[in-house]
Protein backbone atom coordinates (compact mmCIF):
# COMPACT_ATOMS: atom_id res chain seq x y z
CA UNK A 1 239.02 33.43 -137.79
CA UNK A 2 238.19 29.90 -136.69
CA UNK A 3 235.22 30.60 -134.47
CA UNK A 4 233.14 33.64 -133.74
CA UNK A 5 232.46 33.96 -130.01
CA UNK A 6 230.10 36.06 -127.98
CA UNK A 7 232.41 37.29 -125.25
CA UNK A 8 231.74 41.01 -125.45
CA UNK A 9 230.29 41.26 -121.96
CA UNK A 10 232.12 38.44 -120.17
CA UNK A 11 233.84 41.06 -118.07
CA UNK A 12 230.49 42.02 -116.53
CA UNK A 13 228.25 39.02 -117.06
CA UNK A 14 229.02 35.31 -117.39
CA UNK A 15 227.27 31.96 -117.01
CA UNK A 16 227.46 32.14 -113.20
CA UNK A 17 225.70 35.52 -113.20
CA UNK A 18 223.13 34.20 -115.65
CA UNK A 19 222.45 31.12 -113.49
CA UNK A 20 222.12 33.29 -110.38
CA UNK A 21 219.59 35.58 -112.05
CA UNK A 22 217.60 32.64 -113.38
CA UNK A 23 217.52 31.00 -109.93
CA UNK A 24 216.32 34.26 -108.33
CA UNK A 25 213.67 34.71 -111.02
CA UNK A 26 212.47 31.12 -110.58
CA UNK A 27 212.30 31.56 -106.81
CA UNK A 28 210.25 34.73 -107.28
CA UNK A 29 207.90 33.04 -109.76
CA UNK A 30 207.39 30.06 -107.45
CA UNK A 31 206.68 32.43 -104.54
CA UNK A 32 203.94 34.33 -106.38
CA UNK A 33 202.62 30.94 -107.57
CA UNK A 34 201.10 32.02 -110.88
CA UNK A 35 200.84 28.86 -112.95
CA UNK A 36 199.75 28.21 -116.49
CA UNK A 37 199.19 24.87 -118.16
CA UNK A 38 200.60 24.35 -121.63
CA UNK A 39 198.72 21.90 -123.85
CA UNK A 40 200.75 21.21 -126.98
CA UNK A 41 198.91 20.01 -130.06
CA UNK A 42 199.73 16.42 -130.99
CA UNK A 43 200.14 16.63 -134.75
CA UNK A 44 200.90 12.90 -135.08
CA UNK A 45 197.36 11.88 -134.10
CA UNK A 46 195.41 14.68 -135.76
CA UNK A 47 193.39 14.01 -138.91
CA UNK A 48 193.89 17.17 -140.90
CA UNK A 49 192.03 18.04 -144.06
CA UNK A 50 194.33 17.44 -147.05
CA UNK A 51 193.30 20.66 -148.79
CA UNK A 52 193.27 23.26 -145.99
CA UNK A 53 195.26 21.32 -143.33
CA UNK A 54 192.60 22.08 -140.72
CA UNK A 55 190.87 19.96 -138.09
CA UNK A 56 187.41 19.97 -136.68
CA UNK A 57 187.48 21.04 -133.01
CA UNK A 58 186.57 17.51 -131.85
CA UNK A 59 189.48 16.08 -133.87
CA UNK A 60 192.29 18.06 -132.20
CA UNK A 61 194.41 15.88 -129.94
CA UNK A 62 196.47 17.43 -127.17
CA UNK A 63 199.46 16.14 -125.25
CA UNK A 64 199.41 16.01 -121.46
CA UNK A 65 199.57 19.45 -119.81
CA UNK A 66 202.85 20.93 -118.67
CA UNK A 67 202.67 23.13 -115.58
CA UNK A 68 204.77 26.29 -115.83
CA UNK A 69 205.43 29.14 -113.43
CA UNK A 70 204.94 32.44 -115.21
CA UNK A 71 204.23 36.14 -114.88
CA UNK A 72 200.70 36.46 -116.20
CA UNK A 73 199.04 39.61 -117.48
CA UNK A 74 195.38 39.43 -118.51
CA UNK A 75 194.98 42.39 -120.85
CA UNK A 76 191.87 44.54 -120.43
CA UNK A 77 189.16 43.47 -122.89
CA UNK A 78 187.39 45.67 -125.37
CA UNK A 79 183.75 46.42 -124.68
CA UNK A 80 182.01 46.88 -128.01
CA UNK A 81 178.48 48.01 -128.72
CA UNK A 82 176.98 47.52 -132.16
CA UNK A 83 173.85 49.64 -131.69
CA UNK A 84 173.67 53.29 -130.71
CA UNK A 85 171.44 52.48 -127.75
CA UNK A 86 173.94 49.85 -126.42
CA UNK A 87 171.37 47.10 -126.90
CA UNK A 88 173.73 44.72 -128.64
CA UNK A 89 176.97 44.55 -126.64
CA UNK A 90 179.91 42.23 -126.81
CA UNK A 91 182.55 41.97 -124.12
CA UNK A 92 185.14 39.30 -124.71
CA UNK A 93 188.15 38.30 -122.68
CA UNK A 94 191.32 40.27 -123.25
CA UNK A 95 194.51 38.69 -124.52
CA UNK A 96 196.89 36.93 -122.16
CA UNK A 97 200.58 37.82 -121.91
CA UNK A 98 202.74 35.14 -120.35
CA UNK A 99 206.38 35.62 -119.42
CA UNK A 100 208.05 32.26 -118.81
CA UNK A 101 211.68 31.41 -118.07
CA UNK A 102 213.55 29.73 -120.92
CA UNK A 103 215.55 27.44 -118.56
CA UNK A 104 212.27 26.11 -117.11
CA UNK A 105 211.02 25.40 -120.63
CA UNK A 106 214.25 23.51 -121.36
CA UNK A 107 214.08 21.60 -118.06
CA UNK A 108 210.49 20.52 -118.70
CA UNK A 109 211.16 19.86 -122.40
CA UNK A 110 208.36 22.27 -123.31
CA UNK A 111 208.41 24.10 -126.61
CA UNK A 112 205.35 26.38 -126.80
CA UNK A 113 204.44 27.10 -130.39
CA UNK A 114 201.82 28.89 -132.41
CA UNK A 115 198.48 27.12 -132.08
CA UNK A 116 199.15 25.41 -128.75
CA UNK A 117 196.74 26.01 -125.89
CA UNK A 118 197.27 27.69 -122.52
CA UNK A 119 194.93 27.25 -119.57
CA UNK A 120 194.99 29.75 -116.73
CA UNK A 121 192.86 29.23 -113.64
CA UNK A 122 191.12 32.36 -112.38
CA UNK A 123 189.09 33.17 -109.29
CA UNK A 124 186.72 36.11 -109.69
CA UNK A 125 185.53 35.87 -106.08
CA UNK A 126 181.94 35.14 -107.09
CA UNK A 127 182.06 31.47 -107.91
CA UNK A 128 184.49 28.57 -107.77
CA UNK A 129 187.79 29.03 -109.62
CA UNK A 130 187.40 28.32 -113.32
CA UNK A 131 189.73 27.95 -116.31
CA UNK A 132 190.37 30.53 -119.00
CA UNK A 133 191.46 28.88 -122.24
CA UNK A 134 193.75 30.67 -124.68
CA UNK A 135 195.59 29.80 -127.86
CA UNK A 136 199.15 30.95 -128.52
CA UNK A 137 199.10 33.60 -131.24
CA UNK A 138 202.76 34.69 -130.91
CA UNK A 139 205.27 32.17 -129.61
CA UNK A 140 208.18 34.64 -129.37
CA UNK A 141 210.60 32.58 -131.40
CA UNK A 142 213.21 35.34 -131.30
CA UNK A 143 214.04 36.16 -127.69
CA UNK A 144 217.28 38.07 -127.99
CA UNK A 145 215.95 41.60 -127.61
CA UNK A 146 217.65 43.50 -124.80
CA UNK A 147 214.44 43.53 -122.76
CA UNK A 148 214.46 39.68 -122.61
CA UNK A 149 218.19 39.18 -122.32
CA UNK A 150 221.28 40.69 -120.80
CA UNK A 151 222.59 42.93 -123.55
CA UNK A 152 221.66 40.40 -126.19
CA UNK A 153 224.02 37.90 -124.52
CA UNK A 154 221.63 35.17 -123.47
CA UNK A 155 217.85 35.18 -123.15
CA UNK A 156 216.20 34.79 -119.76
CA UNK A 157 212.56 34.46 -120.73
CA UNK A 158 210.11 34.51 -123.57
CA UNK A 159 206.78 36.26 -123.81
CA UNK A 160 203.81 34.38 -125.23
CA UNK A 161 200.86 36.36 -126.55
CA UNK A 162 197.66 34.35 -126.34
CA UNK A 163 194.15 34.99 -127.59
CA UNK A 164 190.99 33.71 -125.88
CA UNK A 165 189.08 30.72 -127.16
CA UNK A 166 185.82 29.21 -126.02
CA UNK A 167 186.59 26.65 -123.31
CA UNK A 168 184.10 24.34 -125.01
CA UNK A 169 186.07 24.44 -128.27
CA UNK A 170 188.17 21.53 -127.06
CA UNK A 171 187.42 18.84 -124.57
CA UNK A 172 189.61 19.83 -121.62
CA UNK A 173 189.56 17.74 -118.48
CA UNK A 174 190.07 19.87 -115.37
């Protein structure tokens, strides 16, 4: 056995089929026009603490944003009350689920990873559109589940799970 190949579904699905599906998905994503902006952390310029390998928020340097088409799902937030009379309430943003095409990531040379930042512009209808800032908590390194691929043959997209951060945590220029 010289080389192990993945040709188990070539009879039904090949590179041409894959390319066709990716093109249709990209066309759909560009039509719905949901965009996110990926800010990767520039580890070369960061001054991390030698003991804990952490930075102060004003010492985190980010690379230029990369615009990506994506399916975006803002998860419903939890509304918590800490007193019985609901006098001390906390309602934070929900997590953000982003489904982005792997070929677009390759084309734009974007590798989203744990700790990078995602900015999603939102319009609540009450004031001018404003940014929601999230940090990637799960970068979906393994994308070969059947739900993200064609029978485990080749992955179409990856799902990023992001948690909200205070937009003032970093100095974003919008």
